[in-house]
Each structure stands twice: as C-alpha cells, then as structure tokens.
Amino acid sequence: NPPDVIKPIPCARKECWIEPILPKQKGLEIIGNALQSQYERLHSKVKYKQCLDPTVDDLRRICVNLRKSIKNERLLFHYNGHGVPRPTKNGEI
C-alpha cells in the first residue's frame, strides 16, 4: 500500500489467488506468471512483457520503449505498486 494509506482490517491478502507468503523474488515470479496466464486466457494473441520489481529508471526506459514500439496500437499497462506513492492526478507514476 502507499505510505499515506492506512490498511483496513480485515483486508484482502491474496494476489492472483495466491497467498503472498513466499520469499520475495519467488513470490514475484509466481504471481507475475499467474497474472500473465489470467490475461492470456482473455486474449491469447497479445504480447506480454513482465517487469517485476523494476527500478524507477528501468520502468521509465521500458515505458518509453513500449510507446515507441506500439505506435498507434493499444497498450494495457497493469501496474501493481506496493509501498509506492500514488500516481499523480494526471496518472503519472
């Protein structure tokens, strides 16, 4: 949760129907793969790019490259940020 948000009790814990009790890196991979498989069930011909726990510079670089490569196509950006500030009013991360 963002640092300025107080988590309600009770609250949801599972992510992609997986209990996040695994070691951090292994949990990221398992949850990322589960989320991708859920999206693949909806639309199998779409390209997917996982970016698990990126730095700010990595995320910026990936977003710029995606914008260049898709040109006039659509892009679904699934951002699941834990412990990061909320996006700005313009939707900027």
PDB file of N, CA and C in Angstrom:
ATOM      1  N   ASN A   1       0.837  -1.187   0.000  1.00  0.00           N
ATOM      2  CA  ASN A   1       0.000   0.000   0.000  1.00  0.00           C
ATOM      3  C   ASN A   1       0.876   1.242   0.000  1.00  0.00           C
ATOM      4  N   PRO A   2       0.364   2.328  -0.559  1.00  0.00           N
ATOM      5  CA  PRO A   2       1.123   3.574  -0.497  1.00  0.00           C
ATOM      6  C   PRO A   2       1.382   3.973   0.949  1.00  0.00           C
ATOM      7  N   PRO A   3       2.473   4.684   1.193  1.00  0.00           N
ATOM      8  CA  PRO A   3       2.811   5.059   2.574  1.00  0.00           C
ATOM      9  C   PRO A   3       1.741   5.909   3.257  1.00  0.00           C
ATOM     10  N   ASP A   4       0.929   6.627   2.490  1.00  0.00           N
ATOM     11  CA  ASP A   4      -0.075   7.505   3.088  1.00  0.00           C
ATOM     12  C   ASP A   4      -1.435   6.841   3.287  1.00  0.00           C
ATOM     13  N   VAL A   5      -1.513   5.525   3.060  1.00  0.00           N
ATOM     14  CA  VAL A   5      -2.781   4.805   3.186  1.00  0.00           C
ATOM     15  C   VAL A   5      -2.735   3.866   4.384  1.00  0.00           C
ATOM     16  N   ILE A   6      -3.764   3.931   5.198  1.00  0.00           N
ATOM     17  CA  ILE A   6      -3.876   3.014   6.337  1.00  0.00           C
ATOM     18  C   ILE A   6      -4.692   1.815   5.879  1.00  0.00           C
ATOM     19  N   LYS A   7      -4.135   0.628   6.042  1.00  0.00           N
ATOM     20  CA  LYS A   7      -4.777  -0.605   5.584  1.00  0.00           C
ATOM     21  C   LYS A   7      -5.955  -0.955   6.490  1.00  0.00           C
ATOM     22  N   PRO A   8      -7.138  -1.170   5.911  1.00  0.00           N
ATOM     23  CA  PRO A   8      -8.297  -1.536   6.725  1.00  0.00           C
ATOM     24  C   PRO A   8      -8.178  -2.969   7.240  1.00  0.00           C
ATOM     25  N   ILE A   9      -8.884  -3.233   8.311  1.00  0.00           N
ATOM     26  CA  ILE A   9      -8.910  -4.583   8.867  1.00  0.00           C
ATOM     27  C   ILE A   9     -10.362  -5.022   8.888  1.00  0.00           C
ATOM     28  N   PRO A  10     -10.761  -6.115   8.307  1.00  0.00           N
ATOM     29  CA  PRO A  10      -9.963  -7.054   7.518  1.00  0.00           C
ATOM     30  C   PRO A  10      -9.707  -6.512   6.108  1.00  0.00           C
ATOM     31  N   CYS A  11      -8.686  -7.056   5.465  1.00  0.00           N
ATOM     32  CA  CYS A  11      -8.362  -6.626   4.106  1.00  0.00           C
ATOM     33  C   CYS A  11      -7.959  -7.846   3.276  1.00  0.00           C
ATOM     34  N   ALA A  12      -8.006  -7.677   1.964  1.00  0.00           N
ATOM     35  CA  ALA A  12      -7.624  -8.765   1.062  1.00  0.00           C
ATOM     36  C   ALA A  12      -6.119  -8.989   1.137  1.00  0.00           C
ATOM     37  N   ARG A  13      -5.701 -10.239   1.007  1.00  0.00           N
ATOM     38  CA  ARG A  13      -4.280 -10.558   1.048  1.00  0.00           C
ATOM     39  C   ARG A  13      -3.812 -11.249  -0.230  1.00  0.00           C
ATOM     40  N   LYS A  14      -4.652 -12.058  -0.835  1.00  0.00           N
ATOM     41  CA  LYS A  14      -4.235 -12.838  -1.987  1.00  0.00           C
ATOM     42  C   LYS A  14      -4.036 -11.957  -3.212  1.00  0.00           C
ATOM     43  N   GLU A  15      -3.070 -12.357  -4.032  1.00  0.00           N
ATOM     44  CA  GLU A  15      -2.828 -11.700  -5.306  1.00  0.00           C
ATOM     45  C   GLU A  15      -2.862 -12.777  -6.373  1.00  0.00           C
ATOM     46  N   CYS A  16      -3.739 -12.614  -7.341  1.00  0.00           N
ATOM     47  CA  CYS A  16      -3.936 -13.627  -8.401  1.00  0.00           C
ATOM     48  C   CYS A  16      -4.286 -14.969  -7.783  1.00  0.00           C
ATOM     49  N   TRP A  17      -5.044 -14.934  -6.714  1.00  0.00           N
ATOM     50  CA  TRP A  17      -5.478 -16.130  -5.992  1.00  0.00           C
ATOM     51  C   TRP A  17      -4.320 -16.874  -5.350  1.00  0.00           C
ATOM     52  N   ILE A  18      -3.215 -16.181  -5.093  1.00  0.00           N
ATOM     53  CA  ILE A  18      -2.032 -16.778  -4.463  1.00  0.00           C
ATOM     54  C   ILE A  18      -1.758 -16.023  -3.169  1.00  0.00           C
ATOM     55  N   GLU A  19      -1.541 -16.762  -2.102  1.00  0.00           N
ATOM     56  CA  GLU A  19      -1.211 -16.151  -0.815  1.00  0.00           C
ATOM     57  C   GLU A  19       0.247 -15.688  -0.863  1.00  0.00           C
ATOM     58  N   PRO A  20       0.527 -14.390  -0.682  1.00  0.00           N
ATOM     59  CA  PRO A  20       1.897 -13.882  -0.822  1.00  0.00           C
ATOM     60  C   PRO A  20       2.766 -14.144   0.403  1.00  0.00           C
ATOM     61  N   ILE A  21       3.047 -15.410   0.680  1.00  0.00           N
ATOM     62  CA  ILE A  21       3.862 -15.765   1.840  1.00  0.00           C
ATOM     63  C   ILE A  21       5.210 -16.342   1.427  1.00  0.00           C
ATOM     64  N   LEU A  22       5.492 -16.365   0.128  1.00  0.00           N
ATOM     65  CA  LEU A  22       6.734 -16.914  -0.387  1.00  0.00           C
ATOM     66  C   LEU A  22       7.856 -15.893  -0.258  1.00  0.00           C
ATOM     67  N   PRO A  23       9.121 -16.339  -0.407  1.00  0.00           N
ATOM     68  CA  PRO A  23      10.214 -15.363  -0.457  1.00  0.00           C
ATOM     69  C   PRO A  23       9.959 -14.363  -1.587  1.00  0.00           C
ATOM     70  N   LYS A  24      10.449 -13.132  -1.411  1.00  0.00           N
ATOM     71  CA  LYS A  24      10.085 -12.023  -2.297  1.00  0.00           C
ATOM     72  C   LYS A  24      10.255 -12.337  -3.774  1.00  0.00           C
ATOM     73  N   GLN A  25      11.446 -12.732  -4.208  1.00  0.00           N
ATOM     74  CA  GLN A  25      11.696 -12.928  -5.647  1.00  0.00           C
ATOM     75  C   GLN A  25      10.867 -14.086  -6.202  1.00  0.00           C
ATOM     76  N   LYS A  26      10.792 -15.177  -5.469  1.00  0.00           N
ATOM     77  CA  LYS A  26       9.999 -16.326  -5.920  1.00  0.00           C
ATOM     78  C   LYS A  26       8.519 -15.962  -5.979  1.00  0.00           C
ATOM     79  N   GLY A  27       8.044 -15.220  -4.986  1.00  0.00           N
ATOM     80  CA  GLY A  27       6.653 -14.792  -4.970  1.00  0.00           C
ATOM     81  C   GLY A  27       6.323 -13.874  -6.138  1.00  0.00           C
ATOM     82  N   LEU A  28       7.243 -12.944  -6.452  1.00  0.00           N
ATOM     83  CA  LEU A  28       7.041 -12.057  -7.600  1.00  0.00           C
ATOM     84  C   LEU A  28       6.888 -12.851  -8.889  1.00  0.00           C
ATOM     85  N   GLU A  29       7.755 -13.827  -9.079  1.00  0.00           N
ATOM     86  CA  GLU A  29       7.719 -14.637 -10.306  1.00  0.00           C
ATOM     87  C   GLU A  29       6.426 -15.441 -10.405  1.00  0.00           C
ATOM     88  N   ILE A  30       6.028 -16.073  -9.318  1.00  0.00           N
ATOM     89  CA  ILE A  30       4.820 -16.910  -9.330  1.00  0.00           C
ATOM     90  C   ILE A  30       3.581 -16.052  -9.554  1.00  0.00           C
ATOM     91  N   ILE A  31       3.480 -14.927  -8.850  1.00  0.00           N
ATOM     92  CA  ILE A  31       2.319 -14.041  -9.011  1.00  0.00           C
ATOM     93  C   ILE A  31       2.323 -13.415 -10.400  1.00  0.00           C
ATOM     94  N   GLY A  32       3.484 -13.007 -10.907  1.00  0.00           N
ATOM     95  CA  GLY A  32       3.580 -12.446 -12.263  1.00  0.00           C
ATOM     96  C   GLY A  32       3.159 -13.440 -13.324  1.00  0.00           C
ATOM     97  N   ASN A  33       3.601 -14.680 -13.188  1.00  0.00           N
ATOM     98  CA  ASN A  33       3.219 -15.723 -14.154  1.00  0.00           C
ATOM     99  C   ASN A  33       1.725 -16.038 -14.072  1.00  0.00           C
ATOM    100  N   ALA A  34       1.176 -16.049 -12.848  1.00  0.00           N
ATOM    101  CA  ALA A  34      -0.257 -16.308 -12.686  1.00  0.00           C
ATOM    102  C   ALA A  34      -1.078 -15.183 -13.316  1.00  0.00           C
ATOM    103  N   LEU A  35      -0.646 -13.941 -13.120  1.00  0.00           N
ATOM    104  CA  LEU A  35      -1.363 -12.809 -13.707  1.00  0.00           C
ATOM    105  C   LEU A  35      -1.292 -12.857 -15.225  1.00  0.00           C
ATOM    106  N   GLN A  36      -0.122 -13.192 -15.759  1.00  0.00           N
ATOM    107  CA  GLN A  36       0.014 -13.296 -17.215  1.00  0.00           C
ATOM    108  C   GLN A  36      -0.877 -14.406 -17.763  1.00  0.00           C
ATOM    109  N   SER A  37      -0.939 -15.534 -17.089  1.00  0.00           N
ATOM    110  CA  SER A  37      -1.785 -16.629 -17.584  1.00  0.00           C
ATOM    111  C   SER A  37      -3.260 -16.245 -17.540  1.00  0.00           C
ATOM    112  N   GLN A  38      -3.652 -15.435 -16.551  1.00  0.00           N
ATOM    113  CA  GLN A  38      -5.036 -14.962 -16.496  1.00  0.00           C
ATOM    114  C   GLN A  38      -5.339 -14.038 -17.672  1.00  0.00           C
ATOM    115  N   TYR A  39      -4.400 -13.152 -18.010  1.00  0.00           N
ATOM    116  CA  TYR A  39      -4.588 -12.286 -19.179  1.00  0.00           C
ATOM    117  C   TYR A  39      -4.583 -13.104 -20.470  1.00  0.00           C
ATOM    118  N   GLU A  40      -3.734 -14.138 -20.550  1.00  0.00           N
ATOM    119  CA  GLU A  40      -3.662 -14.974 -21.755  1.00  0.00           C
ATOM    120  C   GLU A  40      -4.978 -15.712 -21.996  1.00  0.00           C
ATOM    121  N   ARG A  41      -5.680 -16.062 -20.929  1.00  0.00           N
ATOM    122  CA  ARG A  41      -6.983 -16.706 -21.095  1.00  0.00           C
ATOM    123  C   ARG A  41      -7.987 -15.752 -21.741  1.00  0.00           C
ATOM    124  N   LEU A  42      -7.835 -14.460 -21.478  1.00  0.00           N
ATOM    125  CA  LEU A  42      -8.733 -13.473 -22.071  1.00  0.00           C
ATOM    126  C   LEU A  42      -8.381 -13.197 -23.527  1.00  0.00           C
ATOM    127  N   HIS A  43      -7.085 -13.122 -23.815  1.00  0.00           N
ATOM    128  CA  HIS A  43      -6.652 -12.810 -25.181  1.00  0.00           C
ATOM    129  C   HIS A  43      -5.281 -13.441 -25.401  1.00  0.00           C
ATOM    130  N   SER A  44      -5.246 -14.539 -26.134  1.00  0.00           N
ATOM    131  CA  SER A  44      -4.018 -15.322 -26.267  1.00  0.00           C
ATOM    132  C   SER A  44      -3.023 -14.770 -27.279  1.00  0.00           C
ATOM    133  N   LYS A  45      -3.452 -13.907 -28.210  1.00  0.00           N
ATOM    134  CA  LYS A  45      -2.550 -13.428 -29.253  1.00  0.00           C
ATOM    135  C   LYS A  45      -1.800 -12.155 -28.881  1.00  0.00           C
ATOM    136  N   VAL A  46      -1.995 -11.671 -27.694  1.00  0.00           N
ATOM    137  CA  VAL A  46      -1.360 -10.434 -27.250  1.00  0.00           C
ATOM    138  C   VAL A  46       0.046 -10.731 -26.749  1.00  0.00           C
ATOM    139  N   LYS A  47       0.959  -9.784 -26.964  1.00  0.00           N
ATOM    140  CA  LYS A  47       2.321  -9.909 -26.430  1.00  0.00           C
ATOM    141  C   LYS A  47       2.318  -9.407 -24.992  1.00  0.00           C
ATOM    142  N   TYR A  48       3.079 -10.051 -24.137  1.00  0.00           N
ATOM    143  CA  TYR A  48       3.151  -9.680 -22.736  1.00  0.00           C
ATOM    144  C   TYR A  48       4.591  -9.389 -22.359  1.00  0.00           C
ATOM    145  N   LYS A  49       4.779  -8.400 -21.497  1.00  0.00           N
ATOM    146  CA  LYS A  49       6.108  -8.031 -21.010  1.00  0.00           C
ATOM    147  C   LYS A  49       6.003  -7.903 -19.503  1.00  0.00           C
ATOM    148  N   GLN A  50       6.645  -8.826 -18.798  1.00  0.00           N
ATOM    149  CA  GLN A  50       6.653  -8.741 -17.338  1.00  0.00           C
ATOM    150  C   GLN A  50       7.834  -7.891 -16.900  1.00  0.00           C
ATOM    151  N   CYS A  51       7.584  -7.068 -15.936  1.00  0.00           N
ATOM    152  CA  CYS A  51       8.626  -6.216 -15.371  1.00  0.00           C
ATOM    153  C   CYS A  51       8.438  -6.265 -13.857  1.00  0.00           C
ATOM    154  N   LEU A  52       9.069  -7.224 -13.234  1.00  0.00           N
ATOM    155  CA  LEU A  52       8.839  -7.487 -11.816  1.00  0.00           C
ATOM    156  C   LEU A  52       9.828  -6.697 -10.954  1.00  0.00           C
ATOM    157  N   ASP A  53       9.299  -5.840 -10.114  1.00  0.00           N
ATOM    158  CA  ASP A  53      10.075  -5.030  -9.173  1.00  0.00           C
ATOM    159  C   ASP A  53      11.164  -4.207  -9.860  1.00  0.00           C
ATOM    160  N   PRO A  54      10.783  -3.382 -10.842  1.00  0.00           N
ATOM    161  CA  PRO A  54      11.788  -2.585 -11.550  1.00  0.00           C
ATOM    162  C   PRO A  54      12.203  -1.354 -10.743  1.00  0.00           C
ATOM    163  N   THR A  55      13.364  -0.828 -11.082  1.00  0.00           N
ATOM    164  CA  THR A  55      13.766   0.465 -10.524  1.00  0.00           C
ATOM    165  C   THR A  55      13.015   1.548 -11.294  1.00  0.00           C
ATOM    166  N   VAL A  56      13.072   2.761 -10.822  1.00  0.00           N
ATOM    167  CA  VAL A  56      12.391   3.874 -11.496  1.00  0.00           C
ATOM    168  C   VAL A  56      12.953   4.045 -12.902  1.00  0.00           C
ATOM    169  N   ASP A  57      14.266   3.961 -13.033  1.00  0.00           N
ATOM    170  CA  ASP A  57      14.889   4.126 -14.354  1.00  0.00           C
ATOM    171  C   ASP A  57      14.508   2.989 -15.301  1.00  0.00           C
ATOM    172  N   ASP A  58      14.458   1.762 -14.784  1.00  0.00           N
ATOM    173  CA  ASP A  58      14.050   0.623 -15.617  1.00  0.00           C
ATOM    174  C   ASP A  58      12.617   0.799 -16.109  1.00  0.00           C
ATOM    175  N   LEU A  59      11.732   1.206 -15.212  1.00  0.00           N
ATOM    176  CA  LEU A  59      10.329   1.392 -15.579  1.00  0.00           C
ATOM    177  C   LEU A  59      10.173   2.501 -16.611  1.00  0.00           C
ATOM    178  N   ARG A  60      10.889   3.591 -16.431  1.00  0.00           N
ATOM    179  CA  ARG A  60      10.834   4.695 -17.391  1.00  0.00           C
ATOM    180  C   ARG A  60      11.330   4.239 -18.761  1.00  0.00           C
ATOM    181  N   ARG A  61      12.446   3.514 -18.794  1.00  0.00           N
ATOM    182  CA  ARG A  61      13.021   3.030 -20.050  1.00  0.00           C
ATOM    183  C   ARG A  61      12.063   2.069 -20.755  1.00  0.00           C
ATOM    184  N   ILE A  62      11.464   1.165 -20.010  1.00  0.00           N
ATOM    185  CA  ILE A  62      10.524   0.194 -20.593  1.00  0.00           C
ATOM    186  C   ILE A  62       9.299   0.909 -21.154  1.00  0.00           C
ATOM    187  N   CYS A  63       8.761   1.878 -20.406  1.00  0.00           N
ATOM    188  CA  CYS A  63       7.586   2.618 -20.892  1.00  0.00           C
ATOM    189  C   CYS A  63       7.895   3.388 -22.168  1.00  0.00           C
ATOM    190  N   VAL A  64       9.049   4.036 -22.221  1.00  0.00           N
ATOM    191  CA  VAL A  64       9.435   4.782 -23.427  1.00  0.00           C
ATOM    192  C   VAL A  64       9.583   3.833 -24.607  1.00  0.00           C
ATOM    193  N   ASN A  65      10.234   2.686 -24.397  1.00  0.00           N
ATOM    194  CA  ASN A  65      10.407   1.711 -25.485  1.00  0.00           C
ATOM    195  C   ASN A  65       9.075   1.145 -25.949  1.00  0.00           C
ATOM    196  N   LEU A  66       8.158   0.891 -25.019  1.00  0.00           N
ATOM    197  CA  LEU A  66       6.839   0.387 -25.403  1.00  0.00           C
ATOM    198  C   LEU A  66       6.071   1.425 -26.219  1.00  0.00           C
ATOM    199  N   ARG A  67       6.150   2.693 -25.811  1.00  0.00           N
ATOM    200  CA  ARG A  67       5.468   3.748 -26.568  1.00  0.00           C
ATOM    201  C   ARG A  67       5.976   3.818 -28.002  1.00  0.00           C
ATOM    202  N   LYS A  68       7.302   3.678 -28.148  1.00  0.00           N
ATOM    203  CA  LYS A  68       7.889   3.739 -29.492  1.00  0.00           C
ATOM    204  C   LYS A  68       7.476   2.539 -30.329  1.00  0.00           C
ATOM    205  N   SER A  69       7.453   1.366 -29.721  1.00  0.00           N
ATOM    206  CA  SER A  69       7.198   0.148 -30.492  1.00  0.00           C
ATOM    207  C   SER A  69       5.729  -0.048 -30.866  1.00  0.00           C
ATOM    208  N   ILE A  70       4.794   0.457 -30.065  1.00  0.00           N
ATOM    209  CA  ILE A  70       3.388   0.206 -30.377  1.00  0.00           C
ATOM    210  C   ILE A  70       2.795   1.219 -31.338  1.00  0.00           C
ATOM    211  N   LYS A  71       3.436   2.360 -31.488  1.00  0.00           N
ATOM    212  CA  LYS A  71       2.982   3.433 -32.379  1.00  0.00           C
ATOM    213  C   LYS A  71       1.526   3.778 -32.127  1.00  0.00           C
ATOM    214  N   ASN A  72       0.602   3.377 -33.002  1.00  0.00           N
ATOM    215  CA  ASN A  72      -0.815   3.747 -32.844  1.00  0.00           C
ATOM    216  C   ASN A  72      -1.662   2.618 -32.277  1.00  0.00           C
ATOM    217  N   GLU A  73      -1.051   1.577 -31.785  1.00  0.00           N
ATOM    218  CA  GLU A  73      -1.791   0.455 -31.214  1.00  0.00           C
ATOM    219  C   GLU A  73      -2.133   0.743 -29.753  1.00  0.00           C
ATOM    220  N   ARG A  74      -2.879  -0.150 -29.158  1.00  0.00           N
ATOM    221  CA  ARG A  74      -3.269  -0.010 -27.760  1.00  0.00           C
ATOM    222  C   ARG A  74      -2.266  -0.708 -26.854  1.00  0.00           C
ATOM    223  N   LEU A  75      -2.217  -0.229 -25.617  1.00  0.00           N
ATOM    224  CA  LEU A  75      -1.324  -0.805 -24.622  1.00  0.00           C
ATOM    225  C   LEU A  75      -2.082  -0.903 -23.306  1.00  0.00           C
ATOM    226  N   LEU A  76      -2.084  -2.094 -22.720  1.00  0.00           N
ATOM    227  CA  LEU A  76      -2.649  -2.276 -21.385  1.00  0.00           C
ATOM    228  C   LEU A  76      -1.479  -2.323 -20.422  1.00  0.00           C
ATOM    229  N   PHE A  77      -1.460  -1.401 -19.504  1.00  0.00           N
ATOM    230  CA  PHE A  77      -0.373  -1.303 -18.539  1.00  0.00           C
ATOM    231  C   PHE A  77      -0.938  -1.689 -17.186  1.00  0.00           C
ATOM    232  N   HIS A  78      -0.569  -2.855 -16.683  1.00  0.00           N
ATOM    233  CA  HIS A  78      -1.049  -3.323 -15.380  1.00  0.00           C
ATOM    234  C   HIS A  78       0.049  -3.005 -14.372  1.00  0.00           C
ATOM    235  N   TYR A  79      -0.236  -2.050 -13.520  1.00  0.00           N
ATOM    236  CA  TYR A  79       0.738  -1.611 -12.519  1.00  0.00           C
ATOM    237  C   TYR A  79       0.225  -1.980 -11.145  1.00  0.00           C
ATOM    238  N   ASN A  80       0.980  -2.796 -10.440  1.00  0.00           N
ATOM    239  CA  ASN A  80       0.595  -3.229  -9.108  1.00  0.00           C
ATOM    240  C   ASN A  80       1.700  -2.776  -8.156  1.00  0.00           C
ATOM    241  N   GLY A  81       1.572  -1.565  -7.662  1.00  0.00           N
ATOM    242  CA  GLY A  81       2.627  -0.995  -6.824  1.00  0.00           C
ATOM    243  C   GLY A  81       2.358  -1.176  -5.348  1.00  0.00           C
ATOM    244  N   HIS A  82       3.315  -1.731  -4.661  1.00  0.00           N
ATOM    245  CA  HIS A  82       3.227  -1.907  -3.214  1.00  0.00           C
ATOM    246  C   HIS A  82       4.265  -1.012  -2.562  1.00  0.00           C
ATOM    247  N   GLY A  83       3.830  -0.173  -1.645  1.00  0.00           N
ATOM    248  CA  GLY A  83       4.765   0.676  -0.924  1.00  0.00           C
ATOM    249  C   GLY A  83       5.276   1.851  -1.739  1.00  0.00           C
ATOM    250  N   VAL A  84       4.564   2.220  -2.782  1.00  0.00           N
ATOM    251  CA  VAL A  84       4.974   3.361  -3.600  1.00  0.00           C
ATOM    252  C   VAL A  84       3.907   4.443  -3.505  1.00  0.00           C
ATOM    253  N   PRO A  85       4.287   5.696  -3.742  1.00  0.00           N
ATOM    254  CA  PRO A  85       3.288   6.767  -3.701  1.00  0.00           C
ATOM    255  C   PRO A  85       2.229   6.583  -4.779  1.00  0.00           C
ATOM    256  N   ARG A  86       1.092   7.191  -4.587  1.00  0.00           N
ATOM    257  CA  ARG A  86       0.012   7.125  -5.566  1.00  0.00           C
ATOM    258  C   ARG A  86       0.403   7.872  -6.837  1.00  0.00           C
ATOM    259  N   PRO A  87      -0.208   7.486  -7.981  1.00  0.00           N
ATOM    260  CA  PRO A  87       0.033   8.262  -9.199  1.00  0.00           C
ATOM    261  C   PRO A  87      -0.488   9.686  -9.041  1.00  0.00           C
ATOM    262  N   THR A  88       0.045  10.600  -9.845  1.00  0.00           N
ATOM    263  CA  THR A  88      -0.417  11.990  -9.809  1.00  0.00           C
ATOM    264  C   THR A  88      -1.828  12.077 -10.381  1.00  0.00           C
ATOM    265  N   LYS A  89      -2.439  13.254 -10.325  1.00  0.00           N
ATOM    266  CA  LYS A  89      -3.786  13.434 -10.872  1.00  0.00           C
ATOM    267  C   LYS A  89      -3.807  13.220 -12.369  1.00  0.00           C
ATOM    268  N   ASN A  90      -2.659  13.384 -13.037  1.00  0.00           N
ATOM    269  CA  ASN A  90      -2.559  13.136 -14.475  1.00  0.00           C
ATOM    270  C   ASN A  90      -2.308  11.668 -14.785  1.00  0.00           C
ATOM    271  N   GLY A  91      -2.202  10.823 -13.753  1.00  0.00           N
ATOM    272  CA  GLY A  91      -1.966   9.394 -13.960  1.00  0.00           C
ATOM    273  C   GLY A  91      -0.503   9.043 -14.092  1.00  0.00           C
ATOM    274  N   GLU A  92       0.376   9.984 -13.785  1.00  0.00           N
ATOM    275  CA  GLU A  92       1.813   9.718 -13.906  1.00  0.00           C
ATOM    276  C   GLU A  92       2.313   8.953 -12.685  1.00  0.00           C
ATOM    277  N   ILE A  93       3.207   8.039 -12.953  1.00  0.00           N
ATOM    278  CA  ILE A  93       3.761   7.210 -11.873  1.00  0.00           C
ATOM    279  C   ILE A  93       5.043   7.848 -11.366  1.00  0.00           C
TER     280      ILE A  93
END
